[in-house]
């Protein structure tokens, strides 16, 4: 909640820089399935959504030029999303190896 308020305040303060950005095209934060129970298709879809999410936010950060605090928080959030996906992908791959070995 604090991040949302901080982002909004920063974006409003940046005025014209923010107005030039196409914020409406930002993809929603992806839902990442559990790697232990997800199908190949679910993991593939999650990967595509994570990639789109990160690309959208990177483009927004280049366009909007938010304050360094907001930028750092947004980048940290992107790293967390990528980290969660990578962790679940690791679980998925272990599960696939276990199934193939049995």
PDB file of N, CA and C in Angstrom:
ATOM      1  N   UNK A   1       0.825  -1.187   0.000  1.00  0.00           N
ATOM      2  CA  UNK A   1       0.000   0.000   0.000  1.00  0.00           C
ATOM      3  C   UNK A   1       0.869   1.252   0.000  1.00  0.00           C
ATOM      4  N   UNK A   2       1.935   1.235   0.828  1.00  0.00           N
ATOM      5  CA  UNK A   2       2.822   2.388   0.866  1.00  0.00           C
ATOM      6  C   UNK A   2       3.493   2.579  -0.489  1.00  0.00           C
ATOM      7  N   UNK A   3       3.871   1.451  -1.132  1.00  0.00           N
ATOM      8  CA  UNK A   3       4.510   1.529  -2.440  1.00  0.00           C
ATOM      9  C   UNK A   3       3.568   2.164  -3.451  1.00  0.00           C
ATOM     10  N   UNK A   4       2.290   1.783  -3.427  1.00  0.00           N
ATOM     11  CA  UNK A   4       1.315   2.354  -4.355  1.00  0.00           C
ATOM     12  C   UNK A   4       1.200   3.856  -4.146  1.00  0.00           C
ATOM     13  N   UNK A   5       1.118   4.283  -2.895  1.00  0.00           N
ATOM     14  CA  UNK A   5       1.013   5.709  -2.596  1.00  0.00           C
ATOM     15  C   UNK A   5       2.270   6.446  -3.040  1.00  0.00           C
ATOM     16  N   UNK A   6       3.424   5.828  -2.791  1.00  0.00           N
ATOM     17  CA  UNK A   6       4.683   6.439  -3.186  1.00  0.00           C
ATOM     18  C   UNK A   6       4.784   6.530  -4.698  1.00  0.00           C
ATOM     19  N   UNK A   7       4.388   5.471  -5.398  1.00  0.00           N
ATOM     20  CA  UNK A   7       4.414   5.484  -6.857  1.00  0.00           C
ATOM     21  C   UNK A   7       3.498   6.561  -7.405  1.00  0.00           C
ATOM     22  N   UNK A   8       2.292   6.632  -6.867  1.00  0.00           N
ATOM     23  CA  UNK A   8       1.322   7.615  -7.342  1.00  0.00           C
ATOM     24  C   UNK A   8       1.833   9.030  -7.111  1.00  0.00           C
ATOM     25  N   UNK A   9       2.372   9.293  -5.930  1.00  0.00           N
ATOM     26  CA  UNK A   9       2.899  10.618  -5.618  1.00  0.00           C
ATOM     27  C   UNK A   9       4.037  10.976  -6.563  1.00  0.00           C
ATOM     28  N   UNK A  10       4.940  10.037  -6.772  1.00  0.00           N
ATOM     29  CA  UNK A  10       6.073  10.290  -7.655  1.00  0.00           C
ATOM     30  C   UNK A  10       5.623  10.531  -9.084  1.00  0.00           C
ATOM     31  N   UNK A  11       4.654   9.748  -9.543  1.00  0.00           N
ATOM     32  CA  UNK A  11       4.184   9.873 -10.916  1.00  0.00           C
ATOM     33  C   UNK A  11       3.453  11.194 -11.129  1.00  0.00           C
ATOM     34  N   UNK A  12       2.679  11.597 -10.155  1.00  0.00           N
ATOM     35  CA  UNK A  12       1.974  12.868 -10.273  1.00  0.00           C
ATOM     36  C   UNK A  12       2.962  14.031 -10.263  1.00  0.00           C
ATOM     37  N   UNK A  13       4.016  13.884  -9.483  1.00  0.00           N
ATOM     38  CA  UNK A  13       5.017  14.932  -9.399  1.00  0.00           C
ATOM     39  C   UNK A  13       5.807  15.059 -10.698  1.00  0.00           C
ATOM     40  N   UNK A  14       5.968  13.950 -11.406  1.00  0.00           N
ATOM     41  CA  UNK A  14       6.747  14.001 -12.640  1.00  0.00           C
ATOM     42  C   UNK A  14       5.941  14.563 -13.808  1.00  0.00           C
ATOM     43  N   UNK A  15       4.650  14.750 -13.667  1.00  0.00           N
ATOM     44  CA  UNK A  15       3.791  15.444 -14.612  1.00  0.00           C
ATOM     45  C   UNK A  15       3.943  15.036 -16.059  1.00  0.00           C
ATOM     46  N   UNK A  16       4.596  15.876 -16.837  1.00  0.00           N
ATOM     47  CA  UNK A  16       4.658  15.663 -18.281  1.00  0.00           C
ATOM     48  C   UNK A  16       5.384  14.390 -18.660  1.00  0.00           C
ATOM     49  N   UNK A  17       6.412  14.006 -17.921  1.00  0.00           N
ATOM     50  CA  UNK A  17       7.124  12.762 -18.233  1.00  0.00           C
ATOM     51  C   UNK A  17       6.188  11.577 -18.075  1.00  0.00           C
ATOM     52  N   UNK A  18       5.383  11.614 -17.033  1.00  0.00           N
ATOM     53  CA  UNK A  18       4.449  10.513 -16.808  1.00  0.00           C
ATOM     54  C   UNK A  18       3.332  10.522 -17.847  1.00  0.00           C
ATOM     55  N   UNK A  19       2.880  11.680 -18.219  1.00  0.00           N
ATOM     56  CA  UNK A  19       1.782  11.780 -19.179  1.00  0.00           C
ATOM     57  C   UNK A  19       2.157  11.170 -20.517  1.00  0.00           C
ATOM     58  N   UNK A  20       3.420  11.215 -20.869  1.00  0.00           N
ATOM     59  CA  UNK A  20       3.870  10.672 -22.141  1.00  0.00           C
ATOM     60  C   UNK A  20       3.912   9.143 -22.140  1.00  0.00           C
ATOM     61  N   UNK A  21       3.918   8.534 -20.986  1.00  0.00           N
ATOM     62  CA  UNK A  21       4.010   7.073 -20.880  1.00  0.00           C
ATOM     63  C   UNK A  21       2.640   6.433 -21.078  1.00  0.00           C
ATOM     64  N   UNK A  22       2.651   5.260 -21.646  1.00  0.00           N
ATOM     65  CA  UNK A  22       1.408   4.533 -21.860  1.00  0.00           C
ATOM     66  C   UNK A  22       1.200   3.538 -20.721  1.00  0.00           C
ATOM     67  N   UNK A  23       0.886   4.059 -19.556  1.00  0.00           N
ATOM     68  CA  UNK A  23       0.728   3.241 -18.364  1.00  0.00           C
ATOM     69  C   UNK A  23      -0.429   2.252 -18.491  1.00  0.00           C
ATOM     70  N   UNK A  24      -1.441   2.571 -19.265  1.00  0.00           N
ATOM     71  CA  UNK A  24      -2.610   1.696 -19.389  1.00  0.00           C
ATOM     72  C   UNK A  24      -2.253   0.346 -19.998  1.00  0.00           C
ATOM     73  N   UNK A  25      -1.126   0.266 -20.703  1.00  0.00           N
ATOM     74  CA  UNK A  25      -0.728  -0.972 -21.352  1.00  0.00           C
ATOM     75  C   UNK A  25       0.080  -1.901 -20.450  1.00  0.00           C
ATOM     76  N   UNK A  26       0.291  -1.522 -19.198  1.00  0.00           N
ATOM     77  CA  UNK A  26       1.072  -2.364 -18.297  1.00  0.00           C
ATOM     78  C   UNK A  26       0.308  -3.649 -17.984  1.00  0.00           C
ATOM     79  N   UNK A  27       0.987  -4.763 -18.109  1.00  0.00           N
ATOM     80  CA  UNK A  27       0.359  -6.048 -17.808  1.00  0.00           C
ATOM     81  C   UNK A  27       0.233  -6.217 -16.295  1.00  0.00           C
ATOM     82  N   UNK A  28      -0.764  -6.975 -15.839  1.00  0.00           N
ATOM     83  CA  UNK A  28      -0.923  -7.200 -14.395  1.00  0.00           C
ATOM     84  C   UNK A  28       0.177  -8.112 -13.870  1.00  0.00           C
ATOM     85  N   UNK A  29       0.404  -8.053 -12.563  1.00  0.00           N
ATOM     86  CA  UNK A  29       1.404  -8.935 -11.946  1.00  0.00           C
ATOM     87  C   UNK A  29       0.976 -10.380 -12.192  1.00  0.00           C
ATOM     88  N   UNK A  30       1.863 -11.180 -12.739  1.00  0.00           N
ATOM     89  CA  UNK A  30       1.481 -12.557 -13.086  1.00  0.00           C
ATOM     90  C   UNK A  30       1.300 -13.451 -11.867  1.00  0.00           C
ATOM     91  N   UNK A  31       0.382 -14.390 -12.000  1.00  0.00           N
ATOM     92  CA  UNK A  31       0.224 -15.414 -10.975  1.00  0.00           C
ATOM     93  C   UNK A  31       1.143 -16.558 -11.371  1.00  0.00           C
ATOM     94  N   UNK A  32       1.972 -16.978 -10.444  1.00  0.00           N
ATOM     95  CA  UNK A  32       2.951 -18.019 -10.727  1.00  0.00           C
ATOM     96  C   UNK A  32       2.508 -19.298 -10.034  1.00  0.00           C
ATOM     97  N   UNK A  33       2.290 -20.352 -10.810  1.00  0.00           N
ATOM     98  CA  UNK A  33       1.811 -21.601 -10.226  1.00  0.00           C
ATOM     99  C   UNK A  33       2.910 -22.310  -9.432  1.00  0.00           C
ATOM    100  N   UNK A  34       2.488 -23.217  -8.577  1.00  0.00           N
ATOM    101  CA  UNK A  34       3.432 -24.047  -7.838  1.00  0.00           C
ATOM    102  C   UNK A  34       4.132 -24.975  -8.813  1.00  0.00           C
ATOM    103  N   UNK A  35       5.438 -24.977  -8.792  1.00  0.00           N
ATOM    104  CA  UNK A  35       6.207 -25.837  -9.676  1.00  0.00           C
ATOM    105  C   UNK A  35       6.008 -27.316  -9.406  1.00  0.00           C
ATOM    106  N   UNK A  36       5.600 -27.643  -8.196  1.00  0.00           N
ATOM    107  CA  UNK A  36       5.413 -29.053  -7.833  1.00  0.00           C
ATOM    108  C   UNK A  36       4.156 -29.656  -8.455  1.00  0.00           C
ATOM    109  N   UNK A  37       3.191 -28.819  -8.789  1.00  0.00           N
ATOM    110  CA  UNK A  37       1.932 -29.361  -9.310  1.00  0.00           C
ATOM    111  C   UNK A  37       1.527 -28.793 -10.673  1.00  0.00           C
ATOM    112  N   UNK A  38       2.279 -27.843 -11.201  1.00  0.00           N
ATOM    113  CA  UNK A  38       1.909 -27.195 -12.459  1.00  0.00           C
ATOM    114  C   UNK A  38       2.194 -28.086 -13.661  1.00  0.00           C
ATOM    115  N   UNK A  39       1.395 -27.904 -14.689  1.00  0.00           N
ATOM    116  CA  UNK A  39       1.647 -28.598 -15.958  1.00  0.00           C
ATOM    117  C   UNK A  39       2.685 -27.802 -16.749  1.00  0.00           C
ATOM    118  N   UNK A  40       3.200 -28.433 -17.783  1.00  0.00           N
ATOM    119  CA  UNK A  40       4.150 -27.763 -18.661  1.00  0.00           C
ATOM    120  C   UNK A  40       3.525 -26.497 -19.243  1.00  0.00           C
ATOM    121  N   UNK A  41       2.281 -26.596 -19.672  1.00  0.00           N
ATOM    122  CA  UNK A  41       1.591 -25.460 -20.272  1.00  0.00           C
ATOM    123  C   UNK A  41       1.420 -24.311 -19.280  1.00  0.00           C
ATOM    124  N   UNK A  42       1.120 -24.640 -18.026  1.00  0.00           N
ATOM    125  CA  UNK A  42       0.967 -23.603 -16.999  1.00  0.00           C
ATOM    126  C   UNK A  42       2.295 -22.884 -16.749  1.00  0.00           C
ATOM    127  N   UNK A  43       3.382 -23.633 -16.718  1.00  0.00           N
ATOM    128  CA  UNK A  43       4.687 -23.013 -16.507  1.00  0.00           C
ATOM    129  C   UNK A  43       5.092 -22.165 -17.712  1.00  0.00           C
ATOM    130  N   UNK A  44       4.770 -22.638 -18.886  1.00  0.00           N
ATOM    131  CA  UNK A  44       5.069 -21.884 -20.096  1.00  0.00           C
ATOM    132  C   UNK A  44       4.286 -20.573 -20.113  1.00  0.00           C
ATOM    133  N   UNK A  45       3.004 -20.631 -19.755  1.00  0.00           N
ATOM    134  CA  UNK A  45       2.181 -19.427 -19.695  1.00  0.00           C
ATOM    135  C   UNK A  45       2.716 -18.463 -18.637  1.00  0.00           C
ATOM    136  N   UNK A  46       3.092 -18.996 -17.480  1.00  0.00           N
ATOM    137  CA  UNK A  46       3.643 -18.149 -16.418  1.00  0.00           C
ATOM    138  C   UNK A  46       4.921 -17.464 -16.887  1.00  0.00           C
ATOM    139  N   UNK A  47       5.773 -18.215 -17.598  1.00  0.00           N
ATOM    140  CA  UNK A  47       7.009 -17.629 -18.131  1.00  0.00           C
ATOM    141  C   UNK A  47       6.685 -16.464 -19.065  1.00  0.00           C
ATOM    142  N   UNK A  48       5.747 -16.674 -19.973  1.00  0.00           N
ATOM    143  CA  UNK A  48       5.372 -15.623 -20.914  1.00  0.00           C
ATOM    144  C   UNK A  48       4.834 -14.393 -20.188  1.00  0.00           C
ATOM    145  N   UNK A  49       4.025 -14.617 -19.163  1.00  0.00           N
ATOM    146  CA  UNK A  49       3.455 -13.506 -18.399  1.00  0.00           C
ATOM    147  C   UNK A  49       4.524 -12.765 -17.594  1.00  0.00           C
ATOM    148  N   UNK A  50       5.471 -13.499 -17.032  1.00  0.00           N
ATOM    149  CA  UNK A  50       6.560 -12.870 -16.269  1.00  0.00           C
ATOM    150  C   UNK A  50       7.422 -12.018 -17.207  1.00  0.00           C
ATOM    151  N   UNK A  51       7.752 -12.559 -18.368  1.00  0.00           N
ATOM    152  CA  UNK A  51       8.558 -11.807 -19.337  1.00  0.00           C
ATOM    153  C   UNK A  51       7.824 -10.531 -19.755  1.00  0.00           C
ATOM    154  N   UNK A  52       6.536 -10.628 -20.058  1.00  0.00           N
ATOM    155  CA  UNK A  52       5.752  -9.447 -20.450  1.00  0.00           C
ATOM    156  C   UNK A  52       5.695  -8.426 -19.319  1.00  0.00           C
ATOM    157  N   UNK A  53       5.490  -8.913 -18.104  1.00  0.00           N
ATOM    158  CA  UNK A  53       5.411  -8.047 -16.930  1.00  0.00           C
ATOM    159  C   UNK A  53       6.712  -7.259 -16.754  1.00  0.00           C
ATOM    160  N   UNK A  54       7.827  -7.948 -16.862  1.00  0.00           N
ATOM    161  CA  UNK A  54       9.121  -7.297 -16.678  1.00  0.00           C
ATOM    162  C   UNK A  54       9.394  -6.309 -17.807  1.00  0.00           C
ATOM    163  N   UNK A  55       9.136  -6.703 -19.041  1.00  0.00           N
ATOM    164  CA  UNK A  55       9.365  -5.795 -20.175  1.00  0.00           C
ATOM    165  C   UNK A  55       8.499  -4.543 -20.073  1.00  0.00           C
ATOM    166  N   UNK A  56       7.229  -4.703 -19.692  1.00  0.00           N
ATOM    167  CA  UNK A  56       6.332  -3.557 -19.547  1.00  0.00           C
ATOM    168  C   UNK A  56       6.857  -2.573 -18.517  1.00  0.00           C
ATOM    169  N   UNK A  57       7.283  -3.087 -17.383  1.00  0.00           N
ATOM    170  CA  UNK A  57       7.755  -2.211 -16.314  1.00  0.00           C
ATOM    171  C   UNK A  57       9.096  -1.577 -16.650  1.00  0.00           C
ATOM    172  N   UNK A  58       9.965  -2.306 -17.326  1.00  0.00           N
ATOM    173  CA  UNK A  58      11.238  -1.717 -17.745  1.00  0.00           C
ATOM    174  C   UNK A  58      10.991  -0.559 -18.713  1.00  0.00           C
ATOM    175  N   UNK A  59      10.080  -0.753 -19.657  1.00  0.00           N
ATOM    176  CA  UNK A  59       9.748   0.312 -20.604  1.00  0.00           C
ATOM    177  C   UNK A  59       9.141   1.506 -19.869  1.00  0.00           C
ATOM    178  N   UNK A  60       8.286   1.224 -18.900  1.00  0.00           N
ATOM    179  CA  UNK A  60       7.676   2.301 -18.124  1.00  0.00           C
ATOM    180  C   UNK A  60       8.736   3.076 -17.347  1.00  0.00           C
ATOM    181  N   UNK A  61       9.686   2.355 -16.736  1.00  0.00           N
ATOM    182  CA  UNK A  61      10.735   3.024 -15.967  1.00  0.00           C
ATOM    183  C   UNK A  61      11.597   3.916 -16.864  1.00  0.00           C
ATOM    184  N   UNK A  62      11.860   3.493 -18.079  1.00  0.00           N
ATOM    185  CA  UNK A  62      12.634   4.308 -19.010  1.00  0.00           C
ATOM    186  C   UNK A  62      11.861   5.552 -19.421  1.00  0.00           C
ATOM    187  N   UNK A  63      10.562   5.410 -19.566  1.00  0.00           N
ATOM    188  CA  UNK A  63       9.720   6.516 -20.021  1.00  0.00           C
ATOM    189  C   UNK A  63       9.417   7.511 -18.898  1.00  0.00           C
ATOM    190  N   UNK A  64       9.027   7.006 -17.751  1.00  0.00           N
ATOM    191  CA  UNK A  64       8.529   7.870 -16.674  1.00  0.00           C
ATOM    192  C   UNK A  64       9.632   8.528 -15.860  1.00  0.00           C
ATOM    193  N   UNK A  65      10.805   7.946 -15.840  1.00  0.00           N
ATOM    194  CA  UNK A  65      11.922   8.410 -15.012  1.00  0.00           C
ATOM    195  C   UNK A  65      11.464   8.799 -13.600  1.00  0.00           C
ATOM    196  N   UNK A  66      10.969   7.804 -12.827  1.00  0.00           N
ATOM    197  CA  UNK A  66      10.531   8.089 -11.458  1.00  0.00           C
ATOM    198  C   UNK A  66      11.726   8.417 -10.559  1.00  0.00           C
ATOM    199  N   UNK A  67      11.447   8.860  -9.350  1.00  0.00           N
ATOM    200  CA  UNK A  67      12.520   9.143  -8.397  1.00  0.00           C
ATOM    201  C   UNK A  67      13.335   7.876  -8.167  1.00  0.00           C
ATOM    202  N   UNK A  68      14.538   8.042  -7.663  1.00  0.00           N
ATOM    203  CA  UNK A  68      15.401   6.875  -7.454  1.00  0.00           C
ATOM    204  C   UNK A  68      14.791   5.898  -6.453  1.00  0.00           C
ATOM    205  N   UNK A  69      14.075   6.402  -5.461  1.00  0.00           N
ATOM    206  CA  UNK A  69      13.437   5.517  -4.484  1.00  0.00           C
ATOM    207  C   UNK A  69      12.355   4.667  -5.146  1.00  0.00           C
ATOM    208  N   UNK A  70      11.522   5.279  -5.945  1.00  0.00           N
ATOM    209  CA  UNK A  70      10.459   4.556  -6.645  1.00  0.00           C
ATOM    210  C   UNK A  70      11.083   3.578  -7.645  1.00  0.00           C
ATOM    211  N   UNK A  71      12.085   4.042  -8.363  1.00  0.00           N
ATOM    212  CA  UNK A  71      12.777   3.177  -9.322  1.00  0.00           C
ATOM    213  C   UNK A  71      13.343   1.947  -8.615  1.00  0.00           C
ATOM    214  N   UNK A  72      14.025   2.157  -7.495  1.00  0.00           N
ATOM    215  CA  UNK A  72      14.621   1.040  -6.754  1.00  0.00           C
ATOM    216  C   UNK A  72      13.561   0.058  -6.268  1.00  0.00           C
ATOM    217  N   UNK A  73      12.437   0.569  -5.822  1.00  0.00           N
ATOM    218  CA  UNK A  73      11.361  -0.314  -5.354  1.00  0.00           C
ATOM    219  C   UNK A  73      10.754  -1.109  -6.503  1.00  0.00           C
ATOM    220  N   UNK A  74      10.559  -0.449  -7.633  1.00  0.00           N
ATOM    221  CA  UNK A  74       9.992  -1.155  -8.780  1.00  0.00           C
ATOM    222  C   UNK A  74      10.956  -2.229  -9.286  1.00  0.00           C
ATOM    223  N   UNK A  75      12.235  -1.899  -9.353  1.00  0.00           N
ATOM    224  CA  UNK A  75      13.237  -2.876  -9.786  1.00  0.00           C
ATOM    225  C   UNK A  75      13.293  -4.028  -8.789  1.00  0.00           C
ATOM    226  N   UNK A  76      13.239  -3.724  -7.500  1.00  0.00           N
ATOM    227  CA  UNK A  76      13.222  -4.772  -6.482  1.00  0.00           C
ATOM    228  C   UNK A  76      12.021  -5.688  -6.650  1.00  0.00           C
ATOM    229  N   UNK A  77      10.871  -5.119  -6.974  1.00  0.00           N
ATOM    230  CA  UNK A  77       9.672  -5.916  -7.204  1.00  0.00           C
ATOM    231  C   UNK A  77       9.854  -6.818  -8.425  1.00  0.00           C
ATOM    232  N   UNK A  78      10.442  -6.290  -9.477  1.00  0.00           N
ATOM    233  CA  UNK A  78      10.694  -7.110 -10.670  1.00  0.00           C
ATOM    234  C   UNK A  78      11.635  -8.268 -10.339  1.00  0.00           C
ATOM    235  N   UNK A  79      12.641  -7.993  -9.545  1.00  0.00           N
ATOM    236  CA  UNK A  79      13.576  -9.049  -9.145  1.00  0.00           C
ATOM    237  C   UNK A  79      12.876 -10.113  -8.311  1.00  0.00           C
ATOM    238  N   UNK A  80      11.963  -9.693  -7.442  1.00  0.00           N
ATOM    239  CA  UNK A  80      11.219 -10.671  -6.626  1.00  0.00           C
ATOM    240  C   UNK A  80      10.322 -11.546  -7.493  1.00  0.00           C
ATOM    241  N   UNK A  81       9.620 -10.938  -8.453  1.00  0.00           N
ATOM    242  CA  UNK A  81       8.749 -11.714  -9.347  1.00  0.00           C
ATOM    243  C   UNK A  81       9.582 -12.728 -10.125  1.00  0.00           C
ATOM    244  N   UNK A  82      10.703 -12.278 -10.673  1.00  0.00           N
ATOM    245  CA  UNK A  82      11.580 -13.187 -11.419  1.00  0.00           C
ATOM    246  C   UNK A  82      12.119 -14.279 -10.500  1.00  0.00           C
ATOM    247  N   UNK A  83      12.460 -13.924  -9.271  1.00  0.00           N
ATOM    248  CA  UNK A  83      12.973 -14.905  -8.316  1.00  0.00           C
ATOM    249  C   UNK A  83      11.943 -15.963  -7.963  1.00  0.00           C
ATOM    250  N   UNK A  84      10.697 -15.546  -7.754  1.00  0.00           N
ATOM    251  CA  UNK A  84       9.625 -16.505  -7.453  1.00  0.00           C
ATOM    252  C   UNK A  84       9.428 -17.449  -8.636  1.00  0.00           C
ATOM    253  N   UNK A  85       9.401 -16.879  -9.841  1.00  0.00           N
ATOM    254  CA  UNK A  85       9.241 -17.739 -11.014  1.00  0.00           C
ATOM    255  C   UNK A  85      10.404 -18.718 -11.125  1.00  0.00           C
ATOM    256  N   UNK A  86      11.621 -18.241 -10.975  1.00  0.00           N
ATOM    257  CA  UNK A  86      12.779 -19.123 -11.091  1.00  0.00           C
ATOM    258  C   UNK A  86      12.763 -20.227 -10.040  1.00  0.00           C
ATOM    259  N   UNK A  87      12.335 -19.907  -8.834  1.00  0.00           N
ATOM    260  CA  UNK A  87      12.238 -20.915  -7.766  1.00  0.00           C
ATOM    261  C   UNK A  87      11.191 -21.968  -8.136  1.00  0.00           C
ATOM    262  N   UNK A  88      10.032 -21.522  -8.614  1.00  0.00           N
ATOM    263  CA  UNK A  88       8.982 -22.468  -8.996  1.00  0.00           C
ATOM    264  C   UNK A  88       9.383 -23.273 -10.241  1.00  0.00           C
ATOM    265  N   UNK A  89      10.116 -22.648 -11.145  1.00  0.00           N
ATOM    266  CA  UNK A  89      10.610 -23.380 -12.307  1.00  0.00           C
ATOM    267  C   UNK A  89      11.584 -24.471 -11.872  1.00  0.00           C
ATOM    268  N   UNK A  90      12.429 -24.168 -10.910  1.00  0.00           N
ATOM    269  CA  UNK A  90      13.333 -25.179 -10.367  1.00  0.00           C
ATOM    270  C   UNK A  90      12.572 -26.340  -9.761  1.00  0.00           C
ATOM    271  N   UNK A  91      11.524 -26.048  -9.011  1.00  0.00           N
ATOM    272  CA  UNK A  91      10.676 -27.099  -8.430  1.00  0.00           C
ATOM    273  C   UNK A  91      10.012 -27.918  -9.527  1.00  0.00           C
ATOM    274  N   UNK A  92       9.544 -27.239 -10.564  1.00  0.00           N
ATOM    275  CA  UNK A  92       8.900 -27.922 -11.684  1.00  0.00           C
ATOM    276  C   UNK A  92       9.884 -28.878 -12.366  1.00  0.00           C
ATOM    277  N   UNK A  93      11.083 -28.391 -12.620  1.00  0.00           N
ATOM    278  CA  UNK A  93      12.078 -29.224 -13.295  1.00  0.00           C
ATOM    279  C   UNK A  93      12.474 -30.433 -12.443  1.00  0.00           C
ATOM    280  N   UNK A  94      12.603 -30.234 -11.139  1.00  0.00           N
ATOM    281  CA  UNK A  94      12.901 -31.370 -10.233  1.00  0.00           C
ATOM    282  C   UNK A  94      11.777 -32.400 -10.286  1.00  0.00           C
ATOM    283  N   UNK A  95      10.544 -31.911 -10.303  1.00  0.00           N
ATOM    284  CA  UNK A  95       9.381 -32.797 -10.369  1.00  0.00           C
ATOM    285  C   UNK A  95       9.402 -33.584 -11.669  1.00  0.00           C
ATOM    286  N   UNK A  96       9.749 -32.923 -12.768  1.00  0.00           N
ATOM    287  CA  UNK A  96       9.792 -33.594 -14.061  1.00  0.00           C
ATOM    288  C   UNK A  96      10.869 -34.663 -14.108  1.00  0.00           C
ATOM    289  N   UNK A  97      12.017 -34.383 -13.505  1.00  0.00           N
ATOM    290  CA  UNK A  97      13.107 -35.373 -13.442  1.00  0.00           C
ATOM    291  C   UNK A  97      12.677 -36.559 -12.601  1.00  0.00           C
ATOM    292  N   UNK A  98      11.995 -36.290 -11.487  1.00  0.00           N
ATOM    293  CA  UNK A  98      11.525 -37.366 -10.611  1.00  0.00           C
ATOM    294  C   UNK A  98      10.521 -38.260 -11.326  1.00  0.00           C
ATOM    295  N   UNK A  99       9.622 -37.660 -12.100  1.00  0.00           N
ATOM    296  CA  UNK A  99       8.608 -38.430 -12.841  1.00  0.00           C
ATOM    297  C   UNK A  99       9.302 -39.240 -13.926  1.00  0.00           C
ATOM    298  N   UNK A 100      10.266 -38.652 -14.608  1.00  0.00           N
ATOM    299  CA  UNK A 100      10.958 -39.351 -15.685  1.00  0.00           C
ATOM    300  C   UNK A 100      11.830 -40.494 -15.159  1.00  0.00           C
ATOM    301  N   UNK A 101      12.303 -40.349 -13.923  1.00  0.00           N
ATOM    302  CA  UNK A 101      13.168 -41.377 -13.327  1.00  0.00           C
ATOM    303  C   UNK A 101      12.393 -42.576 -12.779  1.00  0.00           C
ATOM    304  N   UNK A 102      11.092 -42.397 -12.570  1.00  0.00           N
ATOM    305  CA  UNK A 102      10.326 -43.496 -11.962  1.00  0.00           C
ATOM    306  C   UNK A 102       9.718 -44.418 -12.963  1.00  0.00           C
TER     307      UNK A 102
END
